[in-house]
Amino acid sequence: MKHSGKALLAALRLVGLTAAAVLLLLGGAFLAKWTAFFILHYLPWVLAALWALFTAFTLYFFRDPDPLVPAGPNLVISPAHGKVDVIDTTTEPDYLGGECQRISIFLSVIDVHVQCAPLNGRVAFYKYTTGQFLSALKTESARFNENLLIGLDAAEPRGEKIGVRLIAGLIARRIVPWLKENDIVQRGDRISLIQFGSRVEVYLPRHAKIKVKLGDRVVGGQTVIAAFD
């Protein structure tokens, strides 16, 4: 007979759909049960472990070892820990007033981020500039990123001038200076902190003798990067 069995097929389809719905509900309840079990029993431990890792990394990042400041006249020491990736001639109009030598140091997230005074002298210039937050891996970040230029009037040799530019990076978005204009600093004194990856540039007169080369790793407050005769 025509359409024989179609009603049974419709009933079976409905039974199948309801069975699928029941299984879906049971699966959802089972998943909710184990999710709740995980949240109650394991999530606090996971969060505690993540917080412990963050705390360890933060304490490691903000470490501040005492530098072994070298003795000797007319030395310029590295203000930063990191890798020398630029040594060239550039123009610094704000403090040195023209052409000068530049040593640029890249600080990765695993480097010490406390900076030190490169020589004995007086803070004669202090200029903070807002800007972008390009990756500090890019040398052009010195021109476009937020930065602080510190001009030092050297006590030894008297009358020499050098500049130190602290540059924020992609992650480093806060420069924390610990000095101000007219402060007197001694070689190796802590002068600032840049948080999480950055760059520091040193501007030197043309007659200063560079003591480092490209690729050198330098230690802030310790490595001699230049000298005056």
N, C-alpha and C. Protein backbone atom coordinates (compact mmCIF):
# COMPACT_ATOMS: atom_id res chain seq x y z
N MET A 1 0.85 -1.19 0.00
CA MET A 1 0.00 0.00 0.00
C MET A 1 0.89 1.24 0.00
N LYS A 2 0.41 2.32 -0.61
CA LYS A 2 1.19 3.55 -0.69
C LYS A 2 1.48 4.09 0.69
N HIS A 3 2.75 4.63 0.84
CA HIS A 3 3.23 5.30 2.06
C HIS A 3 3.25 4.40 3.29
N SER A 4 3.25 3.10 3.03
CA SER A 4 3.31 2.18 4.14
C SER A 4 4.67 2.32 4.85
N GLY A 5 4.66 2.39 6.15
CA GLY A 5 5.88 2.46 6.96
C GLY A 5 6.43 3.86 7.17
N LYS A 6 5.90 4.87 6.49
CA LYS A 6 6.43 6.24 6.65
C LYS A 6 6.19 6.79 8.05
N ALA A 7 5.05 6.42 8.63
CA ALA A 7 4.77 6.88 9.99
C ALA A 7 5.80 6.33 10.97
N LEU A 8 6.16 5.03 10.73
CA LEU A 8 7.16 4.42 11.60
C LEU A 8 8.51 5.11 11.44
N LEU A 9 8.84 5.46 10.17
CA LEU A 9 10.10 6.18 9.93
C LEU A 9 10.10 7.53 10.64
N ALA A 10 8.97 8.23 10.60
CA ALA A 10 8.87 9.52 11.27
C ALA A 10 9.04 9.36 12.78
N ALA A 11 8.43 8.25 13.32
CA ALA A 11 8.56 8.01 14.75
C ALA A 11 10.00 7.70 15.12
N LEU A 12 10.63 6.87 14.28
CA LEU A 12 12.02 6.52 14.55
C LEU A 12 12.93 7.76 14.46
N ARG A 13 12.65 8.65 13.47
CA ARG A 13 13.44 9.88 13.35
C ARG A 13 13.29 10.72 14.61
N LEU A 14 12.08 10.83 15.11
CA LEU A 14 11.84 11.61 16.31
C LEU A 14 12.52 10.98 17.52
N VAL A 15 12.45 9.66 17.61
CA VAL A 15 13.12 8.96 18.70
C VAL A 15 14.63 9.19 18.62
N GLY A 16 15.19 9.13 17.39
CA GLY A 16 16.62 9.37 17.22
C GLY A 16 17.03 10.78 17.62
N LEU A 17 16.22 11.76 17.24
CA LEU A 17 16.53 13.15 17.61
C LEU A 17 16.49 13.35 19.11
N THR A 18 15.49 12.75 19.76
CA THR A 18 15.41 12.90 21.21
C THR A 18 16.56 12.17 21.90
N ALA A 19 16.96 11.03 21.33
CA ALA A 19 18.10 10.30 21.92
C ALA A 19 19.37 11.14 21.80
N ALA A 20 19.57 11.78 20.63
CA ALA A 20 20.73 12.65 20.44
C ALA A 20 20.70 13.81 21.43
N ALA A 21 19.51 14.38 21.64
CA ALA A 21 19.39 15.48 22.58
C ALA A 21 19.72 15.04 24.00
N VAL A 22 19.23 13.84 24.37
CA VAL A 22 19.53 13.32 25.70
C VAL A 22 21.04 13.10 25.87
N LEU A 23 21.67 12.49 24.86
CA LEU A 23 23.11 12.26 24.93
C LEU A 23 23.88 13.57 25.01
N LEU A 24 23.43 14.58 24.25
CA LEU A 24 24.08 15.89 24.29
C LEU A 24 23.97 16.52 25.67
N LEU A 25 22.78 16.41 26.28
CA LEU A 25 22.59 16.95 27.62
C LEU A 25 23.45 16.22 28.64
N LEU A 26 23.48 14.87 28.50
CA LEU A 26 24.32 14.10 29.42
C LEU A 26 25.80 14.45 29.26
N GLY A 27 26.23 14.61 27.99
CA GLY A 27 27.62 15.00 27.74
C GLY A 27 27.92 16.38 28.31
N GLY A 28 26.96 17.32 28.14
CA GLY A 28 27.15 18.65 28.70
C GLY A 28 27.23 18.62 30.22
N ALA A 29 26.36 17.80 30.83
CA ALA A 29 26.38 17.69 32.29
C ALA A 29 27.70 17.07 32.76
N PHE A 30 28.17 16.04 32.04
CA PHE A 30 29.43 15.40 32.40
C PHE A 30 30.59 16.40 32.28
N LEU A 31 30.59 17.17 31.16
CA LEU A 31 31.65 18.16 30.96
C LEU A 31 31.59 19.25 32.04
N ALA A 32 30.37 19.68 32.37
CA ALA A 32 30.22 20.69 33.41
C ALA A 32 30.71 20.17 34.76
N LYS A 33 30.41 18.88 35.02
CA LYS A 33 30.85 18.28 36.28
C LYS A 33 32.37 18.28 36.38
N TRP A 34 33.05 17.85 35.29
CA TRP A 34 34.51 17.78 35.33
C TRP A 34 35.15 19.16 35.26
N THR A 35 34.46 20.08 34.58
CA THR A 35 34.96 21.46 34.58
C THR A 35 34.91 22.04 35.99
N ALA A 36 33.78 21.81 36.65
CA ALA A 36 33.64 22.29 38.03
C ALA A 36 34.66 21.60 38.94
N PHE A 37 34.88 20.31 38.71
CA PHE A 37 35.87 19.57 39.52
C PHE A 37 37.26 20.16 39.30
N PHE A 38 37.61 20.45 38.02
CA PHE A 38 38.92 21.03 37.72
C PHE A 38 39.06 22.40 38.37
N ILE A 39 38.01 23.24 38.25
CA ILE A 39 38.07 24.58 38.82
C ILE A 39 38.26 24.52 40.33
N LEU A 40 37.53 23.62 40.96
CA LEU A 40 37.59 23.54 42.41
C LEU A 40 38.89 22.91 42.92
N HIS A 41 39.43 21.96 42.15
CA HIS A 41 40.57 21.19 42.66
C HIS A 41 41.91 21.57 42.04
N TYR A 42 41.90 21.99 40.78
CA TYR A 42 43.19 22.21 40.11
C TYR A 42 43.46 23.67 39.74
N LEU A 43 42.41 24.42 39.40
CA LEU A 43 42.63 25.80 38.95
C LEU A 43 43.38 26.65 39.97
N PRO A 44 43.06 26.56 41.27
CA PRO A 44 43.85 27.36 42.24
C PRO A 44 45.35 27.04 42.16
N TRP A 45 45.68 25.75 41.95
CA TRP A 45 47.10 25.38 41.86
C TRP A 45 47.73 25.90 40.58
N VAL A 46 46.95 25.86 39.48
CA VAL A 46 47.46 26.39 38.21
C VAL A 46 47.71 27.88 38.33
N LEU A 47 46.76 28.60 38.91
CA LEU A 47 46.92 30.04 39.08
C LEU A 47 48.09 30.36 40.01
N ALA A 48 48.23 29.58 41.06
CA ALA A 48 49.35 29.79 41.99
C ALA A 48 50.68 29.55 41.29
N ALA A 49 50.74 28.51 40.45
CA ALA A 49 51.98 28.22 39.72
C ALA A 49 52.31 29.35 38.74
N LEU A 50 51.28 29.84 38.02
CA LEU A 50 51.50 30.94 37.09
C LEU A 50 51.97 32.19 37.82
N TRP A 51 51.37 32.47 38.96
CA TRP A 51 51.78 33.65 39.75
C TRP A 51 53.21 33.48 40.25
N ALA A 52 53.57 32.26 40.66
CA ALA A 52 54.94 32.02 41.13
C ALA A 52 55.95 32.23 40.00
N LEU A 53 55.60 31.76 38.78
CA LEU A 53 56.49 31.98 37.63
C LEU A 53 56.63 33.46 37.33
N PHE A 54 55.50 34.19 37.36
CA PHE A 54 55.54 35.62 37.11
C PHE A 54 56.38 36.33 38.16
N THR A 55 56.22 35.93 39.42
CA THR A 55 56.99 36.56 40.50
C THR A 55 58.48 36.31 40.32
N ALA A 56 58.83 35.06 39.97
CA ALA A 56 60.24 34.73 39.77
C ALA A 56 60.83 35.53 38.62
N PHE A 57 60.09 35.62 37.51
CA PHE A 57 60.58 36.37 36.35
C PHE A 57 60.73 37.85 36.68
N THR A 58 59.74 38.41 37.40
CA THR A 58 59.79 39.83 37.73
C THR A 58 60.97 40.14 38.64
N LEU A 59 61.20 39.30 39.65
CA LEU A 59 62.34 39.51 40.54
C LEU A 59 63.65 39.36 39.77
N TYR A 60 63.68 38.41 38.82
CA TYR A 60 64.87 38.23 38.00
C TYR A 60 65.09 39.45 37.11
N PHE A 61 64.01 39.93 36.48
CA PHE A 61 64.12 41.07 35.57
C PHE A 61 64.60 42.32 36.30
N PHE A 62 64.10 42.55 37.50
CA PHE A 62 64.45 43.76 38.24
C PHE A 62 65.70 43.58 39.12
N ARG A 63 66.48 42.55 38.83
CA ARG A 63 67.70 42.36 39.59
C ARG A 63 68.63 43.56 39.40
N ASP A 64 69.45 43.82 40.38
CA ASP A 64 70.28 45.04 40.36
C ASP A 64 71.64 44.73 40.99
N PRO A 65 72.49 44.01 40.27
CA PRO A 65 73.80 43.64 40.84
C PRO A 65 74.70 44.86 40.98
N ASP A 66 75.58 44.83 41.98
CA ASP A 66 76.57 45.91 42.14
C ASP A 66 77.65 45.77 41.06
N PRO A 67 77.88 46.83 40.28
CA PRO A 67 78.91 46.74 39.24
C PRO A 67 80.31 46.83 39.83
N LEU A 68 81.25 46.22 39.14
CA LEU A 68 82.66 46.35 39.50
C LEU A 68 83.21 47.54 38.71
N VAL A 69 83.05 48.72 39.27
CA VAL A 69 83.38 49.96 38.56
C VAL A 69 84.90 50.05 38.39
N PRO A 70 85.38 50.18 37.15
CA PRO A 70 86.83 50.23 36.93
C PRO A 70 87.42 51.55 37.40
N ALA A 71 88.66 51.48 37.89
CA ALA A 71 89.38 52.69 38.28
C ALA A 71 90.22 53.16 37.10
N GLY A 72 90.58 54.43 37.11
CA GLY A 72 91.41 54.96 36.04
C GLY A 72 90.87 56.28 35.55
N PRO A 73 91.75 57.15 35.06
CA PRO A 73 91.33 58.47 34.61
C PRO A 73 90.71 58.44 33.21
N ASN A 74 89.77 59.37 32.97
CA ASN A 74 89.25 59.66 31.63
C ASN A 74 88.52 58.50 30.96
N LEU A 75 87.96 57.60 31.76
CA LEU A 75 87.24 56.45 31.21
C LEU A 75 85.75 56.74 31.08
N VAL A 76 85.15 56.17 30.05
CA VAL A 76 83.70 56.20 29.89
C VAL A 76 83.23 54.75 29.95
N ILE A 77 82.36 54.43 30.90
CA ILE A 77 81.89 53.06 31.04
C ILE A 77 80.47 52.94 30.49
N SER A 78 80.10 51.72 30.18
CA SER A 78 78.78 51.49 29.61
C SER A 78 77.70 51.84 30.63
N PRO A 79 76.70 52.62 30.22
CA PRO A 79 75.59 52.89 31.15
C PRO A 79 74.60 51.72 31.23
N ALA A 80 74.70 50.77 30.28
CA ALA A 80 73.67 49.73 30.20
C ALA A 80 74.27 48.36 30.00
N HIS A 81 73.51 47.34 30.41
CA HIS A 81 73.82 45.96 30.10
C HIS A 81 73.18 45.63 28.74
N GLY A 82 73.92 44.95 27.87
CA GLY A 82 73.32 44.56 26.61
C GLY A 82 74.35 44.31 25.53
N LYS A 83 73.89 44.40 24.29
CA LYS A 83 74.73 44.11 23.13
C LYS A 83 74.94 45.37 22.30
N VAL A 84 76.19 45.66 21.96
CA VAL A 84 76.50 46.80 21.10
C VAL A 84 76.14 46.42 19.67
N ASP A 85 75.13 47.09 19.10
CA ASP A 85 74.74 46.75 17.73
C ASP A 85 74.88 47.92 16.76
N VAL A 86 75.30 49.10 17.25
CA VAL A 86 75.56 50.24 16.37
C VAL A 86 76.76 51.01 16.91
N ILE A 87 77.74 51.26 16.05
CA ILE A 87 78.81 52.21 16.33
C ILE A 87 78.96 53.04 15.06
N ASP A 88 78.64 54.32 15.14
CA ASP A 88 78.69 55.13 13.94
C ASP A 88 78.87 56.60 14.28
N THR A 89 78.78 57.43 13.28
CA THR A 89 78.82 58.87 13.45
C THR A 89 77.42 59.41 13.16
N THR A 90 76.94 60.28 14.02
CA THR A 90 75.60 60.82 13.86
C THR A 90 75.61 62.29 14.27
N THR A 91 74.45 62.89 14.30
CA THR A 91 74.30 64.28 14.74
C THR A 91 73.39 64.32 15.96
N GLU A 92 73.85 64.94 17.01
CA GLU A 92 73.04 65.13 18.21
C GLU A 92 72.99 66.64 18.48
N PRO A 93 71.92 67.31 18.04
CA PRO A 93 71.89 68.77 18.11
C PRO A 93 71.52 69.35 19.47
N ASP A 94 70.84 68.57 20.32
CA ASP A 94 70.28 69.14 21.54
C ASP A 94 71.33 69.44 22.61
N TYR A 95 72.29 68.55 22.76
CA TYR A 95 73.29 68.77 23.81
C TYR A 95 74.72 68.87 23.27
N LEU A 96 75.13 67.90 22.44
CA LEU A 96 76.48 67.98 21.89
C LEU A 96 76.58 69.02 20.78
N GLY A 97 75.44 69.36 20.19
CA GLY A 97 75.42 70.48 19.26
C GLY A 97 75.97 70.19 17.89
N GLY A 98 75.94 68.94 17.45
CA GLY A 98 76.42 68.64 16.12
C GLY A 98 76.86 67.20 15.96
N GLU A 99 77.86 67.00 15.09
CA GLU A 99 78.32 65.66 14.78
C GLU A 99 79.05 65.03 15.96
N CYS A 100 78.82 63.75 16.16
CA CYS A 100 79.43 63.04 17.28
C CYS A 100 79.47 61.56 16.97
N GLN A 101 80.14 60.82 17.81
CA GLN A 101 80.14 59.36 17.71
C GLN A 101 78.98 58.80 18.54
N ARG A 102 78.45 57.67 18.06
CA ARG A 102 77.34 57.03 18.76
C ARG A 102 77.64 55.56 19.01
N ILE A 103 77.36 55.13 20.23
CA ILE A 103 77.38 53.71 20.57
C ILE A 103 75.97 53.35 21.03
N SER A 104 75.33 52.43 20.34
CA SER A 104 73.97 52.05 20.68
C SER A 104 73.95 50.63 21.24
N ILE A 105 73.24 50.45 22.35
CA ILE A 105 73.22 49.18 23.08
C ILE A 105 71.79 48.69 23.17
N PHE A 106 71.55 47.47 22.68
CA PHE A 106 70.23 46.87 22.77
C PHE A 106 70.11 46.03 24.03
N LEU A 107 69.03 46.24 24.79
CA LEU A 107 68.77 45.48 26.01
C LEU A 107 67.61 44.53 25.75
N SER A 108 67.86 43.24 25.84
CA SER A 108 66.79 42.26 25.69
C SER A 108 66.06 42.11 27.03
N VAL A 109 64.98 41.33 27.03
CA VAL A 109 64.21 41.17 28.26
C VAL A 109 64.97 40.40 29.33
N ILE A 110 66.06 39.72 28.95
CA ILE A 110 66.82 38.96 29.96
C ILE A 110 68.01 39.76 30.49
N ASP A 111 68.24 40.97 29.97
CA ASP A 111 69.34 41.79 30.47
C ASP A 111 68.93 42.57 31.71
N VAL A 112 69.93 42.98 32.49
CA VAL A 112 69.67 43.90 33.61
C VAL A 112 69.21 45.22 33.03
N HIS A 113 68.20 45.83 33.62
CA HIS A 113 67.62 47.05 33.06
C HIS A 113 67.84 48.29 33.94
N VAL A 114 68.77 48.21 34.87
CA VAL A 114 69.19 49.38 35.63
C VAL A 114 70.37 50.01 34.90
N GLN A 115 70.32 51.35 34.72
CA GLN A 115 71.41 52.05 34.03
C GLN A 115 72.30 52.80 35.03
N CYS A 116 73.57 52.97 34.63
CA CYS A 116 74.56 53.59 35.50
C CYS A 116 75.20 54.80 34.83
N ALA A 117 75.70 55.71 35.66
CA ALA A 117 76.39 56.88 35.14
C ALA A 117 77.69 56.44 34.48
N PRO A 118 77.95 56.91 33.25
CA PRO A 118 79.16 56.47 32.54
C PRO A 118 80.43 57.16 32.98
N LEU A 119 80.32 58.27 33.70
CA LEU A 119 81.51 58.99 34.17
C LEU A 119 81.14 59.91 35.33
N ASN A 120 82.15 60.52 35.93
CA ASN A 120 81.91 61.51 36.98
C ASN A 120 81.53 62.83 36.31
N GLY A 121 80.50 63.47 36.82
CA GLY A 121 80.11 64.74 36.22
C GLY A 121 78.81 65.29 36.78
N ARG A 122 78.28 66.24 36.04
CA ARG A 122 77.05 66.94 36.44
C ARG A 122 76.01 66.79 35.33
N VAL A 123 74.76 66.60 35.73
CA VAL A 123 73.68 66.53 34.75
C VAL A 123 73.40 67.95 34.27
N ALA A 124 73.89 68.25 33.08
CA ALA A 124 73.77 69.61 32.54
C ALA A 124 72.58 69.76 31.59
N PHE A 125 72.01 68.65 31.18
CA PHE A 125 70.89 68.69 30.21
C PHE A 125 69.97 67.52 30.50
N TYR A 126 68.65 67.77 30.37
CA TYR A 126 67.67 66.75 30.74
C TYR A 126 66.43 67.01 29.89
N LYS A 127 66.17 66.13 28.92
CA LYS A 127 65.04 66.36 28.02
C LYS A 127 64.27 65.06 27.79
N TYR A 128 63.02 65.08 28.22
CA TYR A 128 62.13 63.93 28.01
C TYR A 128 61.27 64.20 26.78
N THR A 129 61.14 63.20 25.89
CA THR A 129 60.37 63.34 24.67
C THR A 129 59.39 62.19 24.56
N THR A 130 58.10 62.51 24.38
CA THR A 130 57.11 61.47 24.15
C THR A 130 57.26 60.94 22.73
N GLY A 131 56.70 59.78 22.46
CA GLY A 131 56.81 59.22 21.12
C GLY A 131 56.15 57.88 20.99
N GLN A 132 56.59 57.14 19.98
CA GLN A 132 56.02 55.83 19.69
C GLN A 132 56.68 54.76 20.55
N PHE A 133 56.28 53.51 20.29
CA PHE A 133 56.86 52.37 21.01
C PHE A 133 57.24 51.29 20.00
N LEU A 134 58.12 51.69 19.05
CA LEU A 134 58.64 50.71 18.10
C LEU A 134 59.51 49.70 18.83
N SER A 135 59.72 48.56 18.20
CA SER A 135 60.62 47.56 18.80
C SER A 135 62.00 48.15 18.96
N ALA A 136 62.60 47.95 20.13
CA ALA A 136 63.94 48.47 20.39
C ALA A 136 64.99 47.76 19.55
N LEU A 137 64.62 46.66 18.88
CA LEU A 137 65.53 46.01 17.95
C LEU A 137 65.83 46.91 16.76
N LYS A 138 64.89 47.80 16.45
CA LYS A 138 65.07 48.71 15.32
C LYS A 138 65.84 49.95 15.78
N THR A 139 66.94 50.24 15.09
CA THR A 139 67.76 51.39 15.51
C THR A 139 67.02 52.70 15.34
N GLU A 140 66.04 52.76 14.44
CA GLU A 140 65.28 54.00 14.26
C GLU A 140 64.38 54.30 15.45
N SER A 141 64.26 53.35 16.37
CA SER A 141 63.47 53.61 17.58
C SER A 141 64.05 54.79 18.35
N ALA A 142 65.36 55.04 18.20
CA ALA A 142 65.99 56.16 18.89
C ALA A 142 65.40 57.49 18.46
N ARG A 143 64.95 57.56 17.20
CA ARG A 143 64.42 58.82 16.68
C ARG A 143 62.93 58.98 16.97
N PHE A 144 62.20 57.87 17.00
CA PHE A 144 60.74 57.96 17.05
C PHE A 144 60.12 57.58 18.39
N ASN A 145 60.84 56.82 19.21
CA ASN A 145 60.23 56.32 20.45
C ASN A 145 60.33 57.32 21.59
N GLU A 146 59.51 57.07 22.60
CA GLU A 146 59.63 57.82 23.86
C GLU A 146 61.06 57.68 24.37
N ASN A 147 61.66 58.79 24.77
CA ASN A 147 63.05 58.71 25.22
C ASN A 147 63.39 59.85 26.18
N LEU A 148 64.49 59.67 26.88
CA LEU A 148 65.01 60.68 27.80
C LEU A 148 66.48 60.90 27.46
N LEU A 149 66.82 62.13 27.09
CA LEU A 149 68.22 62.46 26.79
C LEU A 149 68.83 63.16 28.00
N ILE A 150 69.92 62.57 28.51
CA ILE A 150 70.64 63.12 29.65
C ILE A 150 72.00 63.60 29.16
N GLY A 151 72.29 64.89 29.35
CA GLY A 151 73.58 65.43 28.97
C GLY A 151 74.46 65.58 30.19
N LEU A 152 75.67 65.01 30.14
CA LEU A 152 76.59 65.04 31.27
C LEU A 152 77.79 65.92 30.97
N ASP A 153 78.06 66.82 31.88
CA ASP A 153 79.26 67.67 31.83
C ASP A 153 80.32 66.96 32.66
N ALA A 154 81.33 66.41 31.98
CA ALA A 154 82.30 65.56 32.65
C ALA A 154 83.18 66.34 33.62
N ALA A 155 83.47 65.72 34.76
CA ALA A 155 84.43 66.28 35.70
C ALA A 155 85.84 65.81 35.36
N GLU A 156 85.90 64.75 34.51
CA GLU A 156 87.19 64.15 34.19
C GLU A 156 87.11 63.46 32.83
N PRO A 157 87.77 64.05 31.80
CA PRO A 157 88.48 65.34 31.80
C PRO A 157 87.48 66.50 31.79
N ARG A 158 87.79 67.52 32.52
CA ARG A 158 86.88 68.65 32.71
C ARG A 158 86.55 69.30 31.36
N GLY A 159 85.28 69.60 31.20
CA GLY A 159 84.83 70.29 30.00
C GLY A 159 84.32 69.37 28.89
N GLU A 160 84.59 68.09 28.97
CA GLU A 160 84.06 67.17 27.96
C GLU A 160 82.56 66.94 28.20
N LYS A 161 81.84 66.69 27.12
CA LYS A 161 80.40 66.46 27.22
C LYS A 161 80.05 65.14 26.54
N ILE A 162 79.19 64.37 27.19
CA ILE A 162 78.64 63.18 26.54
C ILE A 162 77.14 63.14 26.81
N GLY A 163 76.42 62.46 25.93
CA GLY A 163 74.98 62.31 26.09
C GLY A 163 74.60 60.86 26.26
N VAL A 164 73.58 60.61 27.05
CA VAL A 164 73.03 59.27 27.23
C VAL A 164 71.54 59.35 26.95
N ARG A 165 71.09 58.58 25.96
CA ARG A 165 69.67 58.58 25.62
C ARG A 165 69.04 57.25 26.04
N LEU A 166 68.04 57.31 26.90
CA LEU A 166 67.28 56.14 27.35
C LEU A 166 66.05 56.04 26.46
N ILE A 167 65.85 54.87 25.85
CA ILE A 167 64.81 54.72 24.83
C ILE A 167 63.85 53.61 25.21
N ALA A 168 62.58 53.92 25.28
CA ALA A 168 61.56 52.91 25.55
C ALA A 168 61.36 52.05 24.31
N GLY A 169 60.91 50.82 24.49
CA GLY A 169 60.72 49.90 23.38
C GLY A 169 59.28 49.46 23.23
N LEU A 170 59.09 48.37 22.46
CA LEU A 170 57.76 47.85 22.20
C LEU A 170 57.07 47.40 23.48
N ILE A 171 57.84 46.72 24.34
CA ILE A 171 57.29 46.25 25.62
C ILE A 171 57.61 47.25 26.73
N ALA A 172 58.82 47.81 26.66
CA ALA A 172 59.23 48.78 27.69
C ALA A 172 58.52 50.09 27.46
N ARG A 173 57.59 50.45 28.32
CA ARG A 173 56.82 51.66 28.13
C ARG A 173 56.93 52.60 29.32
N ARG A 174 58.00 52.40 30.07
CA ARG A 174 58.18 53.30 31.20
C ARG A 174 59.65 53.48 31.50
N ILE A 175 60.12 54.71 31.40
CA ILE A 175 61.48 55.06 31.77
C ILE A 175 61.40 55.70 33.16
N VAL A 176 62.16 55.15 34.10
CA VAL A 176 62.10 55.64 35.48
C VAL A 176 63.46 56.25 35.83
N PRO A 177 63.61 57.58 35.68
CA PRO A 177 64.90 58.22 36.00
C PRO A 177 65.04 58.43 37.50
N TRP A 178 66.28 58.36 37.97
CA TRP A 178 66.58 58.59 39.38
C TRP A 178 67.50 59.79 39.56
N LEU A 179 67.47 60.70 38.60
CA LEU A 179 68.26 61.92 38.73
C LEU A 179 67.50 63.06 38.07
N LYS A 180 68.04 64.26 38.23
CA LYS A 180 67.44 65.45 37.64
C LYS A 180 68.56 66.41 37.25
N GLU A 181 68.19 67.45 36.56
CA GLU A 181 69.19 68.41 36.09
C GLU A 181 69.96 69.01 37.26
N ASN A 182 71.26 69.16 37.06
CA ASN A 182 72.23 69.72 38.02
C ASN A 182 72.66 68.72 39.11
N ASP A 183 72.14 67.51 39.07
CA ASP A 183 72.64 66.49 40.01
C ASP A 183 74.09 66.15 39.68
N ILE A 184 74.85 65.84 40.72
CA ILE A 184 76.22 65.36 40.56
C ILE A 184 76.21 63.84 40.61
N VAL A 185 76.86 63.20 39.64
CA VAL A 185 76.89 61.73 39.62
C VAL A 185 78.35 61.25 39.59
N GLN A 186 78.54 60.07 40.14
CA GLN A 186 79.84 59.42 40.12
C GLN A 186 79.76 58.22 39.17
N ARG A 187 80.86 57.91 38.54
CA ARG A 187 80.94 56.77 37.62
C ARG A 187 80.39 55.52 38.31
N GLY A 188 79.42 54.89 37.67
CA GLY A 188 78.82 53.66 38.21
C GLY A 188 77.58 53.88 39.04
N ASP A 189 77.25 55.15 39.37
CA ASP A 189 76.02 55.41 40.13
C ASP A 189 74.80 54.94 39.33
N ARG A 190 73.83 54.40 40.01
CA ARG A 190 72.59 54.02 39.36
C ARG A 190 71.81 55.29 39.01
N ILE A 191 71.36 55.39 37.76
CA ILE A 191 70.69 56.62 37.33
C ILE A 191 69.26 56.40 36.83
N SER A 192 68.92 55.16 36.45
CA SER A 192 67.58 54.97 35.89
C SER A 192 67.25 53.48 35.76
N LEU A 193 65.98 53.26 35.39
CA LEU A 193 65.47 51.92 35.12
C LEU A 193 64.56 52.02 33.91
N ILE A 194 64.73 51.11 32.94
CA ILE A 194 63.79 51.00 31.83
C ILE A 194 63.17 49.62 31.91
N GLN A 195 61.85 49.57 31.88
CA GLN A 195 61.17 48.31 32.15
C GLN A 195 60.92 47.51 30.87
N PHE A 196 61.44 46.27 30.84
CA PHE A 196 61.12 45.25 29.84
C PHE A 196 61.57 45.57 28.42
N GLY A 197 62.85 45.41 28.14
CA GLY A 197 63.36 45.51 26.78
C GLY A 197 63.48 46.95 26.31
N SER A 198 64.64 47.37 25.85
CA SER A 198 64.81 48.78 25.52
C SER A 198 66.14 48.98 24.81
N ARG A 199 66.54 50.25 24.69
CA ARG A 199 67.79 50.61 24.04
C ARG A 199 68.38 51.82 24.75
N VAL A 200 69.71 51.86 24.82
CA VAL A 200 70.42 53.01 25.39
C VAL A 200 71.49 53.43 24.39
N GLU A 201 71.57 54.73 24.12
CA GLU A 201 72.59 55.25 23.22
C GLU A 201 73.51 56.21 23.97
N VAL A 202 74.78 56.16 23.61
CA VAL A 202 75.78 57.06 24.19
C VAL A 202 76.36 57.90 23.07
N TYR A 203 76.37 59.23 23.27
CA TYR A 203 76.92 60.16 22.28
C TYR A 203 78.23 60.73 22.81
N LEU A 204 79.28 60.61 22.00
CA LEU A 204 80.62 60.99 22.42
C LEU A 204 81.23 61.97 21.43
N PRO A 205 82.12 62.86 21.90
CA PRO A 205 82.83 63.75 20.97
C PRO A 205 83.64 62.94 19.97
N ARG A 206 83.95 63.56 18.83
CA ARG A 206 84.66 62.87 17.76
C ARG A 206 86.04 62.38 18.20
N HIS A 207 86.67 63.07 19.16
CA HIS A 207 88.03 62.70 19.54
C HIS A 207 88.09 61.62 20.62
N ALA A 208 86.94 61.22 21.15
CA ALA A 208 86.95 60.12 22.12
C ALA A 208 87.32 58.82 21.41
N LYS A 209 88.05 57.95 22.10
CA LYS A 209 88.49 56.69 21.51
C LYS A 209 87.55 55.56 21.94
N ILE A 210 86.90 54.94 20.95
CA ILE A 210 85.97 53.85 21.22
C ILE A 210 86.75 52.59 21.59
N LYS A 211 86.33 51.92 22.66
CA LYS A 211 87.03 50.74 23.15
C LYS A 211 86.23 49.44 22.96
N VAL A 212 85.07 49.52 22.32
CA VAL A 212 84.27 48.32 22.07
C VAL A 212 84.05 48.17 20.58
N LYS A 213 83.55 47.01 20.17
CA LYS A 213 83.26 46.78 18.76
C LYS A 213 81.86 46.18 18.63
N LEU A 214 81.36 46.18 17.41
CA LEU A 214 80.03 45.64 17.15
C LEU A 214 79.93 44.19 17.63
N GLY A 215 78.82 43.88 18.28
CA GLY A 215 78.58 42.53 18.76
C GLY A 215 79.05 42.29 20.17
N ASP A 216 79.83 43.22 20.74
CA ASP A 216 80.29 43.05 22.11
C ASP A 216 79.12 43.11 23.08
N ARG A 217 79.19 42.27 24.10
CA ARG A 217 78.23 42.38 25.21
C ARG A 217 78.88 43.20 26.31
N VAL A 218 78.17 44.20 26.79
CA VAL A 218 78.72 45.11 27.79
C VAL A 218 77.93 45.01 29.08
N VAL A 219 78.61 45.35 30.17
CA VAL A 219 78.01 45.30 31.50
C VAL A 219 77.89 46.74 32.02
N GLY A 220 76.68 47.13 32.37
CA GLY A 220 76.46 48.49 32.85
C GLY A 220 77.26 48.78 34.11
N GLY A 221 77.92 49.95 34.12
CA GLY A 221 78.70 50.35 35.27
C GLY A 221 80.05 49.68 35.36
N GLN A 222 80.41 48.91 34.33
CA GLN A 222 81.62 48.09 34.44
C GLN A 222 82.48 48.08 33.17
N THR A 223 81.88 47.85 32.02
CA THR A 223 82.65 47.74 30.77
C THR A 223 83.09 49.11 30.28
N VAL A 224 84.37 49.27 30.00
CA VAL A 224 84.88 50.52 29.44
C VAL A 224 84.52 50.54 27.96
N ILE A 225 83.76 51.56 27.53
CA ILE A 225 83.35 51.65 26.12
C ILE A 225 84.12 52.73 25.37
N ALA A 226 84.74 53.68 26.09
CA ALA A 226 85.50 54.75 25.44
C ALA A 226 86.43 55.39 26.44
N ALA A 227 87.37 56.20 25.94
CA ALA A 227 88.31 56.90 26.82
C ALA A 227 88.74 58.20 26.15
N PHE A 228 89.10 59.16 26.97
CA PHE A 228 89.68 60.42 26.50
C PHE A 228 91.16 60.43 26.81
N ASP A 229 91.96 60.83 25.87
CA ASP A 229 93.42 60.95 26.12
C ASP A 229 93.71 62.24 26.86
